[in-house]
Amino acid sequence: MDMLFIVLHVLFGLGSFAGSLMLAVGFKDKFNELNTLQKSGILLTIISLFATIAVTMVSNGNMIAAIIFIALGVAACGYLAFAKTKVA
């Protein structure tokens, strides 16, 4: 039964990871048009997901992977926050 929970945790985590990246890519052109609450929600989702993964990796002693995931999270947030809005 424990193995089932581990597998489900990994599957849900991968889904969350993919979803946060899809949010970053999907809103990159319109991010500056969103209100503060919407921006905060998207950034909090991305930051929390990458932080959770990094903490888990650090707790297992894998510092290199944690640093890579922290860098990916910073890049995803920077990609959103500093992307230029397309002019129609």
C-alpha atoms as a PDB file:
ATOM      1  CA  MET A   1       0.000   0.000   0.000  1.00  0.00           C
ATOM      2  CA  ASP A   2       2.892   2.368   0.738  1.00  0.00           C
ATOM      3  CA  MET A   3       4.252   1.865  -2.757  1.00  0.00           C
ATOM      4  CA  LEU A   4       0.881   2.868  -4.221  1.00  0.00           C
ATOM      5  CA  PHE A   5       1.000   6.169  -2.317  1.00  0.00           C
ATOM      6  CA  ILE A   6       4.537   6.823  -3.492  1.00  0.00           C
ATOM      7  CA  VAL A   7       3.593   6.155  -7.117  1.00  0.00           C
ATOM      8  CA  LEU A   8       0.494   8.371  -6.824  1.00  0.00           C
ATOM      9  CA  HIS A   9       2.570  11.118  -5.182  1.00  0.00           C
ATOM     10  CA  VAL A  10       5.043  11.012  -8.059  1.00  0.00           C
ATOM     11  CA  LEU A  11       2.277  11.035 -10.687  1.00  0.00           C
ATOM     12  CA  PHE A  12       0.439  13.967  -9.082  1.00  0.00           C
ATOM     13  CA  GLY A  13       3.729  15.812  -8.650  1.00  0.00           C
ATOM     14  CA  LEU A  14       4.588  15.378 -12.313  1.00  0.00           C
ATOM     15  CA  GLY A  15       1.112  16.627 -13.231  1.00  0.00           C
ATOM     16  CA  SER A  16       1.592  19.701 -11.040  1.00  0.00           C
ATOM     17  CA  PHE A  17       5.013  20.309 -12.527  1.00  0.00           C
ATOM     18  CA  ALA A  18       3.660  20.127 -16.073  1.00  0.00           C
ATOM     19  CA  GLY A  19       0.692  22.309 -15.136  1.00  0.00           C
ATOM     20  CA  SER A  20       2.841  25.057 -13.656  1.00  0.00           C
ATOM     21  CA  LEU A  21       5.047  25.141 -16.735  1.00  0.00           C
ATOM     22  CA  MET A  22       1.934  25.263 -18.927  1.00  0.00           C
ATOM     23  CA  LEU A  23       0.680  28.233 -16.878  1.00  0.00           C
ATOM     24  CA  ALA A  24       3.984  30.030 -17.392  1.00  0.00           C
ATOM     25  CA  VAL A  25       4.021  29.420 -21.138  1.00  0.00           C
ATOM     26  CA  GLY A  26       0.290  29.962 -21.620  1.00  0.00           C
ATOM     27  CA  PHE A  27       0.190  33.355 -19.929  1.00  0.00           C
ATOM     28  CA  LYS A  28       3.558  34.736 -21.056  1.00  0.00           C
ATOM     29  CA  ASP A  29       2.036  37.098 -23.630  1.00  0.00           C
ATOM     30  CA  LYS A  30      -0.911  38.193 -21.474  1.00  0.00           C
ATOM     31  CA  PHE A  31       0.668  38.109 -18.003  1.00  0.00           C
ATOM     32  CA  ASN A  32       1.045  41.887 -17.715  1.00  0.00           C
ATOM     33  CA  GLU A  33      -2.659  42.312 -18.533  1.00  0.00           C
ATOM     34  CA  LEU A  34      -3.785  40.178 -15.577  1.00  0.00           C
ATOM     35  CA  ASN A  35      -4.783  41.766 -12.283  1.00  0.00           C
ATOM     36  CA  THR A  36      -2.588  41.484  -9.192  1.00  0.00           C
ATOM     37  CA  LEU A  37      -4.557  38.601  -7.686  1.00  0.00           C
ATOM     38  CA  GLN A  38      -4.274  36.549 -10.882  1.00  0.00           C
ATOM     39  CA  LYS A  39      -0.543  37.269 -11.211  1.00  0.00           C
ATOM     40  CA  SER A  40       0.035  36.399  -7.564  1.00  0.00           C
ATOM     41  CA  GLY A  41      -1.868  33.132  -7.905  1.00  0.00           C
ATOM     42  CA  ILE A  42       0.123  31.999 -10.913  1.00  0.00           C
ATOM     43  CA  LEU A  43       3.481  32.997  -9.403  1.00  0.00           C
ATOM     44  CA  LEU A  44       2.608  31.402  -6.042  1.00  0.00           C
ATOM     45  CA  THR A  45       1.680  28.155  -7.806  1.00  0.00           C
ATOM     46  CA  ILE A  46       4.975  28.051  -9.686  1.00  0.00           C
ATOM     47  CA  ILE A  47       7.107  29.075  -6.690  1.00  0.00           C
ATOM     48  CA  SER A  48       5.405  26.602  -4.341  1.00  0.00           C
ATOM     49  CA  LEU A  49       5.755  23.703  -6.729  1.00  0.00           C
ATOM     50  CA  PHE A  50       9.434  24.272  -7.428  1.00  0.00           C
ATOM     51  CA  ALA A  51      10.128  24.901  -3.714  1.00  0.00           C
ATOM     52  CA  THR A  52       8.373  21.659  -2.758  1.00  0.00           C
ATOM     53  CA  ILE A  53      10.424  19.687  -5.256  1.00  0.00           C
ATOM     54  CA  ALA A  54      13.665  21.369  -4.138  1.00  0.00           C
ATOM     55  CA  VAL A  55      12.967  20.702  -0.432  1.00  0.00           C
ATOM     56  CA  THR A  56      12.215  17.059  -1.200  1.00  0.00           C
ATOM     57  CA  MET A  57      15.451  16.706  -3.147  1.00  0.00           C
ATOM     58  CA  VAL A  58      17.491  18.380  -0.398  1.00  0.00           C
ATOM     59  CA  SER A  59      15.924  16.080   2.207  1.00  0.00           C
ATOM     60  CA  ASN A  60      17.128  13.112   0.148  1.00  0.00           C
ATOM     61  CA  GLY A  61      20.628  14.591  -0.129  1.00  0.00           C
ATOM     62  CA  ASN A  62      20.473  15.516  -3.800  1.00  0.00           C
ATOM     63  CA  MET A  63      21.714  19.112  -3.729  1.00  0.00           C
ATOM     64  CA  ILE A  64      22.588  19.334  -7.431  1.00  0.00           C
ATOM     65  CA  ALA A  65      19.065  18.397  -8.527  1.00  0.00           C
ATOM     66  CA  ALA A  66      17.606  20.824  -5.966  1.00  0.00           C
ATOM     67  CA  ILE A  67      19.740  23.668  -7.318  1.00  0.00           C
ATOM     68  CA  ILE A  68      18.646  22.796 -10.867  1.00  0.00           C
ATOM     69  CA  PHE A  69      14.968  22.884  -9.873  1.00  0.00           C
ATOM     70  CA  ILE A  70      15.423  26.180  -8.015  1.00  0.00           C
ATOM     71  CA  ALA A  71      17.040  27.631 -11.145  1.00  0.00           C
ATOM     72  CA  LEU A  72      14.155  26.319 -13.289  1.00  0.00           C
ATOM     73  CA  GLY A  73      11.626  27.899 -10.927  1.00  0.00           C
ATOM     74  CA  VAL A  74      13.408  31.249 -10.979  1.00  0.00           C
ATOM     75  CA  ALA A  75      13.610  31.071 -14.772  1.00  0.00           C
ATOM     76  CA  ALA A  76       9.886  30.276 -15.079  1.00  0.00           C
ATOM     77  CA  CYS A  77       8.927  33.195 -12.819  1.00  0.00           C
ATOM     78  CA  GLY A  78      11.339  35.536 -14.595  1.00  0.00           C
ATOM     79  CA  TYR A  79       9.983  34.382 -17.941  1.00  0.00           C
ATOM     80  CA  LEU A  80       6.531  35.480 -16.829  1.00  0.00           C
ATOM     81  CA  ALA A  81       7.403  38.643 -14.966  1.00  0.00           C
ATOM     82  CA  PHE A  82       9.692  40.126 -17.589  1.00  0.00           C
ATOM     83  CA  ALA A  83       8.094  38.874 -20.817  1.00  0.00           C
ATOM     84  CA  LYS A  84       7.055  41.563 -23.256  1.00  0.00           C
ATOM     85  CA  THR A  85       3.368  41.829 -24.052  1.00  0.00           C
ATOM     86  CA  LYS A  86       2.675  41.451 -27.774  1.00  0.00           C
ATOM     87  CA  VAL A  87       1.147  44.475 -29.464  1.00  0.00           C
ATOM     88  CA  ALA A  88      -1.870  43.600 -31.628  1.00  0.00           C
END
